[in-house]
Amino acid sequence: DSRKVVGYYDNSSPTEPTDPGPIPDPEEYIGHKIYQIKKAIEAYDGVGKEGEPGQRGGRWYNQSEYVEVWEEKVDLLLGFEKLLEGKGIKIRANKGFPSLVFLNQCCQELKEVIDGMGFDPEHIHINYSGDWDPSGEGMVYYIKKRLRQLGIEDVDVERIAVTPQQIDKYNLPLMPLDPEPGKKPDPNLHEFKRRYGDEATHLNAFFT
């Protein structure tokens, strides 16, 4: 919002004024109008124009819950859009730990849902999909904490993918957890391995 542009570069060519059209003959003009009125009387049938057809309401019309899908991978956004086609929900790609700028924008839109559409926060649901790894495991907690800091409390944020149960159920390929030589380990690595072992995978694997 700190960068805005107004106006435009106007290099349109000038044009010459045009002459007015010829003045109509008064008798011809009046005679034509009388003819039109006579024809209108003959054509009147007492039937009005057809009304516009009604339209079905949106998928979430008059529903008590508001739902969004947040997912970690920008490159999967089009895929999620295809999967959720016709579901009438907003999809956000947060690209790992979302920035405060991104979350502030999300919160402003959620406040419009609360204030403008009349939804209580507990009836707002964010279904989250992301990597199951040392950093991704705490993503829901991180999002909830940031939402509270930005003035949104009691929103239901739930991870729907990826979960340890899904790794086992769908036999998802595991990702290496140990850092590459010369790279610092994830600060959450030790606790993650203590709780979940080596069962970690990317959202892309589950999506595929």
N, C-alpha and C. Protein backbone atom coordinates (compact mmCIF):
# COMPACT_ATOMS: atom_id res chain seq x y z
N ASP A 1 0.81 -1.21 0.00
CA ASP A 1 0.00 0.00 0.00
C ASP A 1 0.84 1.26 0.00
N SER A 2 2.16 1.16 0.25
CA SER A 2 3.00 2.35 0.27
C SER A 2 3.38 2.78 -1.14
N ARG A 3 3.10 1.97 -2.14
CA ARG A 3 3.42 2.32 -3.53
C ARG A 3 2.13 2.37 -4.33
N LYS A 4 1.78 3.58 -4.75
CA LYS A 4 0.55 3.76 -5.50
C LYS A 4 0.85 4.60 -6.74
N VAL A 5 0.11 4.42 -7.81
CA VAL A 5 0.26 5.18 -9.05
C VAL A 5 -1.09 5.74 -9.44
N VAL A 6 -1.13 7.03 -9.75
CA VAL A 6 -2.38 7.64 -10.21
C VAL A 6 -2.12 8.32 -11.53
N GLY A 7 -3.15 8.59 -12.32
CA GLY A 7 -3.01 9.24 -13.61
C GLY A 7 -2.46 8.31 -14.68
N TYR A 8 -2.30 8.82 -15.88
CA TYR A 8 -1.78 8.01 -16.97
C TYR A 8 -1.16 8.94 -18.01
N TYR A 9 -0.28 8.38 -18.85
CA TYR A 9 0.41 9.14 -19.89
C TYR A 9 -0.53 9.32 -21.07
N ASP A 10 -0.95 10.57 -21.33
CA ASP A 10 -1.96 10.83 -22.35
C ASP A 10 -1.29 11.40 -23.59
N ASN A 11 -1.18 10.60 -24.61
CA ASN A 11 -0.62 11.08 -25.88
C ASN A 11 -1.60 10.86 -27.03
N SER A 12 -2.89 11.00 -26.74
CA SER A 12 -3.91 10.82 -27.77
C SER A 12 -3.85 11.96 -28.78
N SER A 13 -4.21 11.67 -30.03
CA SER A 13 -4.16 12.66 -31.11
C SER A 13 -5.36 13.59 -31.04
N PRO A 14 -5.16 14.87 -31.44
CA PRO A 14 -6.33 15.78 -31.46
C PRO A 14 -7.26 15.42 -32.60
N THR A 15 -8.52 15.82 -32.49
CA THR A 15 -9.52 15.60 -33.55
C THR A 15 -10.22 16.91 -33.85
N GLU A 16 -10.63 17.06 -35.10
CA GLU A 16 -11.35 18.26 -35.51
C GLU A 16 -12.82 18.15 -35.12
N PRO A 17 -13.45 19.28 -34.77
CA PRO A 17 -14.89 19.23 -34.47
C PRO A 17 -15.69 18.88 -35.72
N THR A 18 -16.84 18.28 -35.55
CA THR A 18 -17.70 17.91 -36.67
C THR A 18 -18.85 18.91 -36.79
N ASP A 19 -19.35 19.06 -38.00
CA ASP A 19 -20.49 19.96 -38.24
C ASP A 19 -21.77 19.34 -37.72
N PRO A 20 -22.71 20.17 -37.27
CA PRO A 20 -24.01 19.62 -36.85
C PRO A 20 -24.76 19.04 -38.04
N GLY A 21 -25.64 18.09 -37.75
CA GLY A 21 -26.43 17.49 -38.83
C GLY A 21 -27.48 18.45 -39.36
N PRO A 22 -28.14 18.10 -40.47
CA PRO A 22 -29.17 18.98 -41.06
C PRO A 22 -30.38 19.11 -40.15
N ILE A 23 -31.02 20.27 -40.20
CA ILE A 23 -32.22 20.50 -39.40
C ILE A 23 -33.39 19.78 -40.07
N PRO A 24 -34.10 18.89 -39.33
CA PRO A 24 -35.20 18.15 -39.96
C PRO A 24 -36.38 19.06 -40.31
N ASP A 25 -37.11 18.69 -41.37
CA ASP A 25 -38.32 19.42 -41.74
C ASP A 25 -39.37 19.20 -40.65
N PRO A 26 -39.96 20.29 -40.10
CA PRO A 26 -40.90 20.12 -38.97
C PRO A 26 -42.11 19.26 -39.32
N GLU A 27 -42.68 19.38 -40.54
CA GLU A 27 -43.86 18.59 -40.89
C GLU A 27 -43.50 17.10 -40.99
N GLU A 28 -42.35 16.81 -41.59
CA GLU A 28 -41.92 15.41 -41.69
C GLU A 28 -41.66 14.83 -40.30
N TYR A 29 -41.02 15.61 -39.45
CA TYR A 29 -40.70 15.15 -38.09
C TYR A 29 -41.98 14.83 -37.32
N ILE A 30 -42.98 15.76 -37.37
CA ILE A 30 -44.22 15.56 -36.62
C ILE A 30 -45.01 14.39 -37.21
N GLY A 31 -45.02 14.30 -38.55
CA GLY A 31 -45.75 13.21 -39.19
C GLY A 31 -45.16 11.85 -38.82
N HIS A 32 -43.85 11.77 -38.73
CA HIS A 32 -43.20 10.51 -38.36
C HIS A 32 -43.56 10.12 -36.93
N LYS A 33 -43.60 11.09 -36.02
CA LYS A 33 -43.94 10.80 -34.63
C LYS A 33 -45.39 10.35 -34.50
N ILE A 34 -46.30 10.96 -35.27
CA ILE A 34 -47.71 10.55 -35.24
C ILE A 34 -47.83 9.11 -35.74
N TYR A 35 -47.09 8.78 -36.79
CA TYR A 35 -47.11 7.41 -37.33
C TYR A 35 -46.63 6.41 -36.27
N GLN A 36 -45.57 6.76 -35.54
CA GLN A 36 -45.05 5.86 -34.50
C GLN A 36 -46.08 5.63 -33.40
N ILE A 37 -46.80 6.72 -33.01
CA ILE A 37 -47.81 6.57 -31.95
C ILE A 37 -48.95 5.68 -32.42
N LYS A 38 -49.40 5.84 -33.66
CA LYS A 38 -50.48 5.00 -34.18
C LYS A 38 -50.07 3.52 -34.20
N LYS A 39 -48.85 3.26 -34.64
CA LYS A 39 -48.38 1.88 -34.68
C LYS A 39 -48.26 1.30 -33.27
N ALA A 40 -47.89 2.13 -32.28
CA ALA A 40 -47.77 1.66 -30.90
C ALA A 40 -49.14 1.24 -30.37
N ILE A 41 -50.20 1.97 -30.74
CA ILE A 41 -51.55 1.61 -30.29
C ILE A 41 -51.98 0.27 -30.88
N GLU A 42 -51.68 0.08 -32.15
CA GLU A 42 -52.05 -1.17 -32.82
C GLU A 42 -51.27 -2.37 -32.26
N ALA A 43 -50.01 -2.13 -31.88
CA ALA A 43 -49.16 -3.24 -31.44
C ALA A 43 -49.36 -3.61 -29.98
N TYR A 44 -50.07 -2.78 -29.21
CA TYR A 44 -50.21 -3.07 -27.77
C TYR A 44 -51.04 -4.34 -27.56
N ASP A 45 -50.48 -5.29 -26.79
CA ASP A 45 -51.18 -6.54 -26.54
C ASP A 45 -51.43 -6.78 -25.05
N GLY A 46 -51.08 -5.85 -24.19
CA GLY A 46 -51.33 -5.99 -22.76
C GLY A 46 -50.40 -6.95 -22.04
N VAL A 47 -49.33 -7.36 -22.70
CA VAL A 47 -48.38 -8.30 -22.11
C VAL A 47 -47.07 -7.57 -21.85
N GLY A 48 -46.58 -7.69 -20.62
CA GLY A 48 -45.31 -7.05 -20.29
C GLY A 48 -44.12 -7.87 -20.74
N LYS A 49 -42.95 -7.28 -20.64
CA LYS A 49 -41.74 -7.99 -20.99
C LYS A 49 -41.47 -9.11 -19.99
N GLU A 50 -40.81 -10.15 -20.47
CA GLU A 50 -40.46 -11.25 -19.57
C GLU A 50 -39.46 -10.78 -18.52
N GLY A 51 -39.63 -11.28 -17.30
CA GLY A 51 -38.69 -10.94 -16.23
C GLY A 51 -37.37 -11.67 -16.40
N GLU A 52 -36.37 -11.20 -15.69
CA GLU A 52 -35.07 -11.87 -15.72
C GLU A 52 -35.15 -13.18 -14.94
N PRO A 53 -34.53 -14.23 -15.46
CA PRO A 53 -34.56 -15.51 -14.72
C PRO A 53 -33.80 -15.40 -13.40
N GLY A 54 -34.27 -16.09 -12.39
CA GLY A 54 -33.58 -16.10 -11.10
C GLY A 54 -32.29 -16.89 -11.17
N GLN A 55 -31.43 -16.70 -10.21
CA GLN A 55 -30.17 -17.42 -10.14
C GLN A 55 -30.07 -18.14 -8.80
N ARG A 56 -29.43 -19.30 -8.83
CA ARG A 56 -29.21 -20.03 -7.59
C ARG A 56 -28.22 -19.25 -6.74
N GLY A 57 -28.41 -19.34 -5.43
CA GLY A 57 -27.46 -18.71 -4.53
C GLY A 57 -26.13 -19.43 -4.54
N GLY A 58 -25.11 -18.80 -3.98
CA GLY A 58 -23.80 -19.41 -3.91
C GLY A 58 -23.81 -20.66 -3.04
N ARG A 59 -22.79 -21.46 -3.18
CA ARG A 59 -22.71 -22.73 -2.45
C ARG A 59 -22.85 -22.52 -0.94
N TRP A 60 -22.34 -21.38 -0.42
CA TRP A 60 -22.35 -21.13 1.01
C TRP A 60 -23.45 -20.15 1.42
N TYR A 61 -24.43 -19.92 0.55
CA TYR A 61 -25.50 -18.99 0.88
C TYR A 61 -26.26 -19.44 2.13
N ASN A 62 -26.38 -18.53 3.07
CA ASN A 62 -27.17 -18.77 4.29
C ASN A 62 -26.59 -19.87 5.17
N GLN A 63 -25.31 -20.20 4.99
CA GLN A 63 -24.66 -21.19 5.85
C GLN A 63 -24.07 -20.49 7.07
N SER A 64 -23.94 -21.24 8.13
CA SER A 64 -23.48 -20.66 9.40
C SER A 64 -21.97 -20.73 9.57
N GLU A 65 -21.26 -21.37 8.62
CA GLU A 65 -19.81 -21.52 8.74
C GLU A 65 -19.11 -20.86 7.55
N TYR A 66 -17.95 -20.27 7.82
CA TYR A 66 -17.12 -19.69 6.78
C TYR A 66 -15.83 -20.50 6.70
N VAL A 67 -15.42 -20.92 5.50
CA VAL A 67 -14.29 -21.83 5.35
C VAL A 67 -13.29 -21.25 4.34
N GLU A 68 -12.00 -21.34 4.69
CA GLU A 68 -10.92 -21.06 3.76
C GLU A 68 -9.94 -22.22 3.79
N VAL A 69 -9.18 -22.38 2.71
CA VAL A 69 -8.10 -23.36 2.66
C VAL A 69 -6.78 -22.61 2.53
N TRP A 70 -5.87 -22.86 3.45
CA TRP A 70 -4.52 -22.32 3.36
C TRP A 70 -3.58 -23.50 3.07
N GLU A 71 -2.64 -23.28 2.18
CA GLU A 71 -1.68 -24.33 1.87
C GLU A 71 -0.30 -23.72 1.70
N GLU A 72 0.72 -24.53 1.93
CA GLU A 72 2.08 -24.02 2.04
C GLU A 72 2.74 -23.70 0.71
N LYS A 73 2.41 -24.40 -0.35
CA LYS A 73 3.20 -24.36 -1.57
C LYS A 73 2.55 -23.48 -2.64
N VAL A 74 3.25 -22.44 -3.05
CA VAL A 74 2.75 -21.58 -4.11
C VAL A 74 2.59 -22.36 -5.42
N ASP A 75 3.52 -23.30 -5.68
CA ASP A 75 3.46 -24.06 -6.93
C ASP A 75 2.29 -25.04 -6.96
N LEU A 76 1.64 -25.27 -5.83
CA LEU A 76 0.48 -26.16 -5.79
C LEU A 76 -0.84 -25.40 -5.82
N LEU A 77 -0.78 -24.08 -5.89
CA LEU A 77 -2.00 -23.28 -5.79
C LEU A 77 -2.98 -23.60 -6.90
N LEU A 78 -2.49 -23.72 -8.13
CA LEU A 78 -3.39 -24.04 -9.25
C LEU A 78 -3.98 -25.44 -9.08
N GLY A 79 -3.18 -26.36 -8.53
CA GLY A 79 -3.69 -27.71 -8.29
C GLY A 79 -4.80 -27.72 -7.25
N PHE A 80 -4.60 -26.97 -6.16
CA PHE A 80 -5.65 -26.86 -5.15
C PHE A 80 -6.89 -26.21 -5.74
N GLU A 81 -6.68 -25.21 -6.57
CA GLU A 81 -7.81 -24.54 -7.20
C GLU A 81 -8.62 -25.51 -8.05
N LYS A 82 -7.92 -26.41 -8.75
CA LYS A 82 -8.61 -27.40 -9.57
C LYS A 82 -9.37 -28.39 -8.69
N LEU A 83 -8.72 -28.85 -7.61
CA LEU A 83 -9.38 -29.81 -6.72
C LEU A 83 -10.62 -29.23 -6.07
N LEU A 84 -10.57 -27.92 -5.75
CA LEU A 84 -11.66 -27.27 -5.02
C LEU A 84 -12.58 -26.49 -5.94
N GLU A 85 -12.50 -26.76 -7.24
CA GLU A 85 -13.34 -26.06 -8.20
C GLU A 85 -14.83 -26.27 -7.86
N GLY A 86 -15.56 -25.18 -7.83
CA GLY A 86 -16.99 -25.25 -7.54
C GLY A 86 -17.33 -25.27 -6.07
N LYS A 87 -16.32 -25.31 -5.20
CA LYS A 87 -16.59 -25.36 -3.76
C LYS A 87 -16.84 -23.97 -3.16
N GLY A 88 -16.51 -22.93 -3.89
CA GLY A 88 -16.82 -21.58 -3.44
C GLY A 88 -16.04 -21.14 -2.22
N ILE A 89 -14.76 -21.48 -2.13
CA ILE A 89 -13.95 -21.07 -0.98
C ILE A 89 -12.66 -20.42 -1.46
N LYS A 90 -12.09 -19.59 -0.59
CA LYS A 90 -10.84 -18.91 -0.90
C LYS A 90 -9.67 -19.81 -0.52
N ILE A 91 -8.63 -19.79 -1.38
CA ILE A 91 -7.44 -20.60 -1.16
C ILE A 91 -6.24 -19.65 -1.05
N ARG A 92 -5.44 -19.82 -0.01
CA ARG A 92 -4.28 -18.96 0.18
C ARG A 92 -3.02 -19.83 0.24
N ALA A 93 -1.98 -19.40 -0.46
CA ALA A 93 -0.69 -20.08 -0.40
C ALA A 93 0.23 -19.23 0.47
N ASN A 94 0.61 -19.78 1.65
CA ASN A 94 1.36 -18.97 2.61
C ASN A 94 2.88 -19.09 2.48
N LYS A 95 3.36 -20.03 1.64
CA LYS A 95 4.79 -20.15 1.34
C LYS A 95 5.63 -20.29 2.61
N GLY A 96 5.41 -21.38 3.33
CA GLY A 96 6.16 -21.60 4.57
C GLY A 96 5.65 -20.70 5.68
N PHE A 97 6.56 -20.24 6.53
CA PHE A 97 6.14 -19.33 7.59
C PHE A 97 5.67 -18.03 6.95
N PRO A 98 4.38 -17.72 7.04
CA PRO A 98 3.87 -16.52 6.36
C PRO A 98 4.39 -15.25 7.00
N SER A 99 4.66 -14.26 6.17
CA SER A 99 5.16 -12.97 6.66
C SER A 99 4.03 -12.22 7.37
N LEU A 100 4.43 -11.24 8.18
CA LEU A 100 3.43 -10.43 8.87
C LEU A 100 2.63 -9.60 7.87
N VAL A 101 3.26 -9.21 6.77
CA VAL A 101 2.53 -8.45 5.75
C VAL A 101 1.40 -9.30 5.17
N PHE A 102 1.73 -10.55 4.83
CA PHE A 102 0.72 -11.47 4.29
C PHE A 102 -0.38 -11.73 5.32
N LEU A 103 0.04 -12.01 6.57
CA LEU A 103 -0.95 -12.32 7.60
C LEU A 103 -1.80 -11.11 7.94
N ASN A 104 -1.23 -9.93 7.88
CA ASN A 104 -2.03 -8.73 8.15
C ASN A 104 -3.10 -8.56 7.08
N GLN A 105 -2.73 -8.82 5.83
CA GLN A 105 -3.72 -8.76 4.76
C GLN A 105 -4.83 -9.79 4.99
N CYS A 106 -4.43 -11.01 5.38
CA CYS A 106 -5.43 -12.06 5.67
C CYS A 106 -6.35 -11.62 6.79
N CYS A 107 -5.78 -11.03 7.83
CA CYS A 107 -6.57 -10.61 8.99
C CYS A 107 -7.55 -9.51 8.62
N GLN A 108 -7.12 -8.58 7.79
CA GLN A 108 -8.03 -7.51 7.36
C GLN A 108 -9.23 -8.10 6.62
N GLU A 109 -8.98 -9.11 5.80
CA GLU A 109 -10.08 -9.74 5.08
C GLU A 109 -10.95 -10.57 6.02
N LEU A 110 -10.34 -11.21 7.01
CA LEU A 110 -11.13 -11.97 7.98
C LEU A 110 -11.96 -11.04 8.85
N LYS A 111 -11.44 -9.86 9.15
CA LYS A 111 -12.23 -8.88 9.92
C LYS A 111 -13.44 -8.42 9.12
N GLU A 112 -13.29 -8.33 7.80
CA GLU A 112 -14.45 -8.01 6.97
C GLU A 112 -15.49 -9.12 7.02
N VAL A 113 -15.01 -10.36 7.10
CA VAL A 113 -15.94 -11.49 7.23
C VAL A 113 -16.68 -11.40 8.57
N ILE A 114 -15.96 -11.03 9.63
CA ILE A 114 -16.56 -10.94 10.96
C ILE A 114 -17.51 -9.75 11.04
N ASP A 115 -17.03 -8.58 10.63
CA ASP A 115 -17.83 -7.36 10.79
C ASP A 115 -18.86 -7.19 9.68
N GLY A 116 -18.46 -7.49 8.44
CA GLY A 116 -19.34 -7.24 7.31
C GLY A 116 -20.34 -8.36 7.06
N MET A 117 -19.92 -9.61 7.25
CA MET A 117 -20.78 -10.75 6.97
C MET A 117 -21.43 -11.31 8.23
N GLY A 118 -20.97 -10.87 9.39
CA GLY A 118 -21.62 -11.26 10.64
C GLY A 118 -21.25 -12.61 11.18
N PHE A 119 -20.08 -13.15 10.81
CA PHE A 119 -19.64 -14.44 11.33
C PHE A 119 -18.88 -14.25 12.64
N ASP A 120 -19.22 -15.05 13.65
CA ASP A 120 -18.41 -15.08 14.86
C ASP A 120 -17.11 -15.83 14.55
N PRO A 121 -16.00 -15.45 15.19
CA PRO A 121 -14.71 -16.09 14.89
C PRO A 121 -14.74 -17.60 15.02
N GLU A 122 -15.47 -18.14 15.99
CA GLU A 122 -15.47 -19.59 16.16
C GLU A 122 -16.17 -20.31 15.01
N HIS A 123 -16.87 -19.57 14.17
CA HIS A 123 -17.51 -20.17 12.99
C HIS A 123 -16.69 -19.93 11.72
N ILE A 124 -15.46 -19.46 11.88
CA ILE A 124 -14.53 -19.28 10.77
C ILE A 124 -13.50 -20.41 10.83
N HIS A 125 -13.36 -21.17 9.76
CA HIS A 125 -12.50 -22.35 9.74
C HIS A 125 -11.42 -22.20 8.68
N ILE A 126 -10.18 -22.41 9.08
CA ILE A 126 -9.05 -22.41 8.17
C ILE A 126 -8.50 -23.84 8.13
N ASN A 127 -8.68 -24.50 7.01
CA ASN A 127 -8.15 -25.85 6.81
C ASN A 127 -6.76 -25.73 6.20
N TYR A 128 -5.75 -26.20 6.95
CA TYR A 128 -4.36 -25.98 6.54
C TYR A 128 -3.72 -27.26 6.01
N SER A 129 -2.98 -27.11 4.90
CA SER A 129 -2.21 -28.21 4.33
C SER A 129 -0.76 -27.76 4.17
N GLY A 130 0.17 -28.55 4.69
CA GLY A 130 1.57 -28.18 4.59
C GLY A 130 2.49 -29.36 4.81
N ASP A 131 3.80 -29.12 4.69
CA ASP A 131 4.79 -30.17 4.92
C ASP A 131 4.68 -30.70 6.35
N TRP A 132 4.98 -31.99 6.50
CA TRP A 132 5.12 -32.57 7.83
C TRP A 132 6.61 -32.77 8.06
N ASP A 133 7.22 -31.78 8.69
CA ASP A 133 8.66 -31.81 8.97
C ASP A 133 8.89 -30.97 10.23
N PRO A 134 10.13 -30.83 10.69
CA PRO A 134 10.36 -30.13 11.95
C PRO A 134 9.80 -28.71 12.01
N SER A 135 9.82 -27.99 10.91
CA SER A 135 9.27 -26.63 10.90
C SER A 135 7.77 -26.65 10.65
N GLY A 136 7.33 -27.47 9.69
CA GLY A 136 5.92 -27.49 9.33
C GLY A 136 5.02 -28.02 10.42
N GLU A 137 5.57 -28.86 11.32
CA GLU A 137 4.76 -29.46 12.38
C GLU A 137 4.14 -28.39 13.28
N GLY A 138 4.82 -27.26 13.46
CA GLY A 138 4.30 -26.22 14.33
C GLY A 138 3.61 -25.08 13.61
N MET A 139 3.29 -25.27 12.33
CA MET A 139 2.76 -24.18 11.53
C MET A 139 1.39 -23.71 12.01
N VAL A 140 0.53 -24.63 12.40
CA VAL A 140 -0.80 -24.23 12.86
C VAL A 140 -0.69 -23.38 14.12
N TYR A 141 0.18 -23.78 15.04
CA TYR A 141 0.39 -22.98 16.25
C TYR A 141 0.90 -21.59 15.89
N TYR A 142 1.83 -21.51 14.93
CA TYR A 142 2.39 -20.23 14.52
C TYR A 142 1.30 -19.33 13.93
N ILE A 143 0.46 -19.89 13.06
CA ILE A 143 -0.59 -19.10 12.43
C ILE A 143 -1.58 -18.59 13.47
N LYS A 144 -1.98 -19.46 14.40
CA LYS A 144 -2.90 -19.03 15.45
C LYS A 144 -2.31 -17.90 16.28
N LYS A 145 -1.02 -18.03 16.63
CA LYS A 145 -0.37 -17.01 17.44
C LYS A 145 -0.33 -15.68 16.72
N ARG A 146 0.02 -15.70 15.45
CA ARG A 146 0.08 -14.46 14.68
C ARG A 146 -1.30 -13.85 14.48
N LEU A 147 -2.31 -14.67 14.27
CA LEU A 147 -3.67 -14.14 14.12
C LEU A 147 -4.11 -13.42 15.40
N ARG A 148 -3.78 -14.02 16.55
CA ARG A 148 -4.13 -13.37 17.82
C ARG A 148 -3.42 -12.03 17.95
N GLN A 149 -2.14 -11.99 17.58
CA GLN A 149 -1.38 -10.75 17.66
C GLN A 149 -1.97 -9.66 16.76
N LEU A 150 -2.61 -10.08 15.68
CA LEU A 150 -3.18 -9.12 14.73
C LEU A 150 -4.67 -8.90 14.96
N GLY A 151 -5.17 -9.36 16.11
CA GLY A 151 -6.54 -9.03 16.50
C GLY A 151 -7.60 -10.02 16.11
N ILE A 152 -7.22 -11.23 15.68
CA ILE A 152 -8.20 -12.26 15.33
C ILE A 152 -8.03 -13.43 16.30
N GLU A 153 -9.01 -13.65 17.16
CA GLU A 153 -8.94 -14.75 18.12
C GLU A 153 -10.08 -15.73 17.91
N ASP A 154 -9.88 -16.95 18.38
CA ASP A 154 -10.91 -18.00 18.40
C ASP A 154 -11.26 -18.54 17.02
N VAL A 155 -10.46 -18.21 15.98
CA VAL A 155 -10.68 -18.82 14.68
C VAL A 155 -10.21 -20.27 14.72
N ASP A 156 -10.97 -21.17 14.11
CA ASP A 156 -10.62 -22.59 14.07
C ASP A 156 -9.60 -22.84 12.97
N VAL A 157 -8.35 -23.11 13.36
CA VAL A 157 -7.29 -23.44 12.40
C VAL A 157 -6.93 -24.90 12.61
N GLU A 158 -7.09 -25.71 11.58
CA GLU A 158 -6.87 -27.15 11.71
C GLU A 158 -6.03 -27.67 10.55
N ARG A 159 -5.03 -28.48 10.88
CA ARG A 159 -4.23 -29.15 9.84
C ARG A 159 -5.02 -30.34 9.30
N ILE A 160 -5.20 -30.35 7.99
CA ILE A 160 -5.87 -31.50 7.37
C ILE A 160 -4.88 -32.33 6.55
N ALA A 161 -3.70 -31.78 6.28
CA ALA A 161 -2.64 -32.52 5.57
C ALA A 161 -1.33 -31.73 5.72
N VAL A 162 -0.20 -32.35 5.80
CA VAL A 162 0.00 -33.78 5.92
C VAL A 162 0.07 -34.13 7.40
N THR A 163 -0.36 -35.32 7.77
CA THR A 163 -0.30 -35.79 9.15
C THR A 163 0.47 -37.10 9.21
N PRO A 164 0.99 -37.47 10.38
CA PRO A 164 1.68 -38.77 10.49
C PRO A 164 0.80 -39.94 10.07
N GLN A 165 -0.49 -39.85 10.37
CA GLN A 165 -1.41 -40.93 10.00
C GLN A 165 -1.51 -41.07 8.48
N GLN A 166 -1.47 -39.95 7.77
CA GLN A 166 -1.56 -39.99 6.32
C GLN A 166 -0.27 -40.56 5.71
N ILE A 167 0.86 -40.29 6.35
CA ILE A 167 2.12 -40.85 5.86
C ILE A 167 2.05 -42.38 5.89
N ASP A 168 1.53 -42.92 6.98
CA ASP A 168 1.40 -44.38 7.10
C ASP A 168 0.32 -44.93 6.17
N LYS A 169 -0.83 -44.24 6.14
CA LYS A 169 -1.96 -44.76 5.37
C LYS A 169 -1.66 -44.82 3.88
N TYR A 170 -0.98 -43.79 3.35
CA TYR A 170 -0.75 -43.72 1.91
C TYR A 170 0.69 -44.07 1.53
N ASN A 171 1.46 -44.54 2.54
CA ASN A 171 2.83 -44.97 2.27
C ASN A 171 3.61 -43.88 1.53
N LEU A 172 3.57 -42.67 2.05
CA LEU A 172 4.20 -41.53 1.39
C LEU A 172 5.72 -41.63 1.49
N PRO A 173 6.43 -41.19 0.46
CA PRO A 173 7.90 -41.20 0.51
C PRO A 173 8.41 -40.24 1.58
N LEU A 174 9.41 -40.68 2.32
CA LEU A 174 9.94 -39.85 3.41
C LEU A 174 11.04 -38.94 2.88
N MET A 175 11.16 -37.78 3.52
CA MET A 175 12.22 -36.83 3.17
C MET A 175 13.37 -36.96 4.16
N PRO A 176 14.61 -36.71 3.74
CA PRO A 176 15.74 -36.78 4.68
C PRO A 176 15.66 -35.63 5.68
N LEU A 177 15.91 -35.94 6.94
CA LEU A 177 15.83 -34.93 7.99
C LEU A 177 17.19 -34.37 8.37
N ASP A 178 18.23 -35.19 8.28
CA ASP A 178 19.55 -34.71 8.68
C ASP A 178 20.04 -33.65 7.70
N PRO A 179 20.61 -32.56 8.21
CA PRO A 179 21.03 -31.45 7.34
C PRO A 179 22.19 -31.85 6.44
N GLU A 180 22.27 -31.19 5.29
CA GLU A 180 23.38 -31.41 4.39
C GLU A 180 24.66 -30.87 5.02
N PRO A 181 25.80 -31.43 4.65
CA PRO A 181 27.08 -30.94 5.21
C PRO A 181 27.24 -29.43 5.01
N GLY A 182 27.60 -28.75 6.09
CA GLY A 182 27.81 -27.31 6.02
C GLY A 182 26.58 -26.49 6.32
N LYS A 183 25.41 -27.13 6.44
CA LYS A 183 24.19 -26.41 6.75
C LYS A 183 23.79 -26.63 8.20
N LYS A 184 23.22 -25.60 8.78
CA LYS A 184 22.78 -25.70 10.17
C LYS A 184 21.52 -26.56 10.25
N PRO A 185 21.40 -27.38 11.30
CA PRO A 185 20.18 -28.19 11.44
C PRO A 185 18.99 -27.32 11.83
N ASP A 186 17.82 -27.78 11.49
CA ASP A 186 16.60 -27.10 11.91
C ASP A 186 16.55 -27.11 13.43
N PRO A 187 16.29 -25.97 14.09
CA PRO A 187 16.26 -25.95 15.55
C PRO A 187 15.19 -26.84 16.16
N ASN A 188 14.20 -27.22 15.35
CA ASN A 188 13.13 -28.09 15.85
C ASN A 188 13.41 -29.57 15.56
N LEU A 189 14.56 -29.85 14.95
CA LEU A 189 14.83 -31.21 14.48
C LEU A 189 14.86 -32.22 15.62
N HIS A 190 15.59 -31.93 16.69
CA HIS A 190 15.76 -32.89 17.77
C HIS A 190 14.41 -33.27 18.39
N GLU A 191 13.60 -32.29 18.70
CA GLU A 191 12.30 -32.57 19.31
C GLU A 191 11.39 -33.32 18.35
N PHE A 192 11.45 -32.95 17.07
CA PHE A 192 10.61 -33.63 16.08
C PHE A 192 10.98 -35.11 15.99
N LYS A 193 12.29 -35.41 15.92
CA LYS A 193 12.72 -36.80 15.81
C LYS A 193 12.41 -37.57 17.09
N ARG A 194 12.46 -36.90 18.22
CA ARG A 194 12.12 -37.57 19.48
C ARG A 194 10.66 -38.01 19.48
N ARG A 195 9.80 -37.18 18.90
CA ARG A 195 8.37 -37.47 18.94
C ARG A 195 7.90 -38.32 17.76
N TYR A 196 8.48 -38.11 16.58
CA TYR A 196 7.94 -38.74 15.38
C TYR A 196 8.95 -39.59 14.63
N GLY A 197 10.19 -39.66 15.12
CA GLY A 197 11.19 -40.44 14.40
C GLY A 197 11.57 -39.76 13.09
N ASP A 198 11.73 -40.55 12.05
CA ASP A 198 12.11 -40.02 10.74
C ASP A 198 10.93 -39.85 9.79
N GLU A 199 9.72 -39.91 10.31
CA GLU A 199 8.55 -39.83 9.44
C GLU A 199 8.24 -38.37 9.13
N ALA A 200 8.81 -37.91 8.03
CA ALA A 200 8.58 -36.55 7.55
C ALA A 200 8.44 -36.60 6.03
N THR A 201 7.57 -35.75 5.50
CA THR A 201 7.38 -35.72 4.05
C THR A 201 6.88 -34.36 3.62
N HIS A 202 6.95 -34.12 2.31
CA HIS A 202 6.49 -32.85 1.74
C HIS A 202 5.02 -32.93 1.36
N LEU A 203 4.38 -31.78 1.36
CA LEU A 203 3.00 -31.69 0.90
C LEU A 203 2.89 -32.13 -0.56
N ASN A 204 3.91 -31.83 -1.35
CA ASN A 204 3.87 -32.23 -2.77
C ASN A 204 3.68 -33.74 -2.93
N ALA A 205 4.32 -34.53 -2.05
CA ALA A 205 4.19 -35.99 -2.14
C ALA A 205 2.75 -36.42 -1.87
N PHE A 206 2.16 -35.83 -0.85
CA PHE A 206 0.77 -36.17 -0.51
C PHE A 206 -0.18 -35.69 -1.60
N PHE A 207 0.09 -34.50 -2.13
CA PHE A 207 -0.77 -33.95 -3.18
C PHE A 207 -0.76 -34.85 -4.41
N THR A 208 0.44 -35.32 -4.78
CA THR A 208 0.55 -36.20 -5.94
C THR A 208 -0.20 -37.51 -5.73
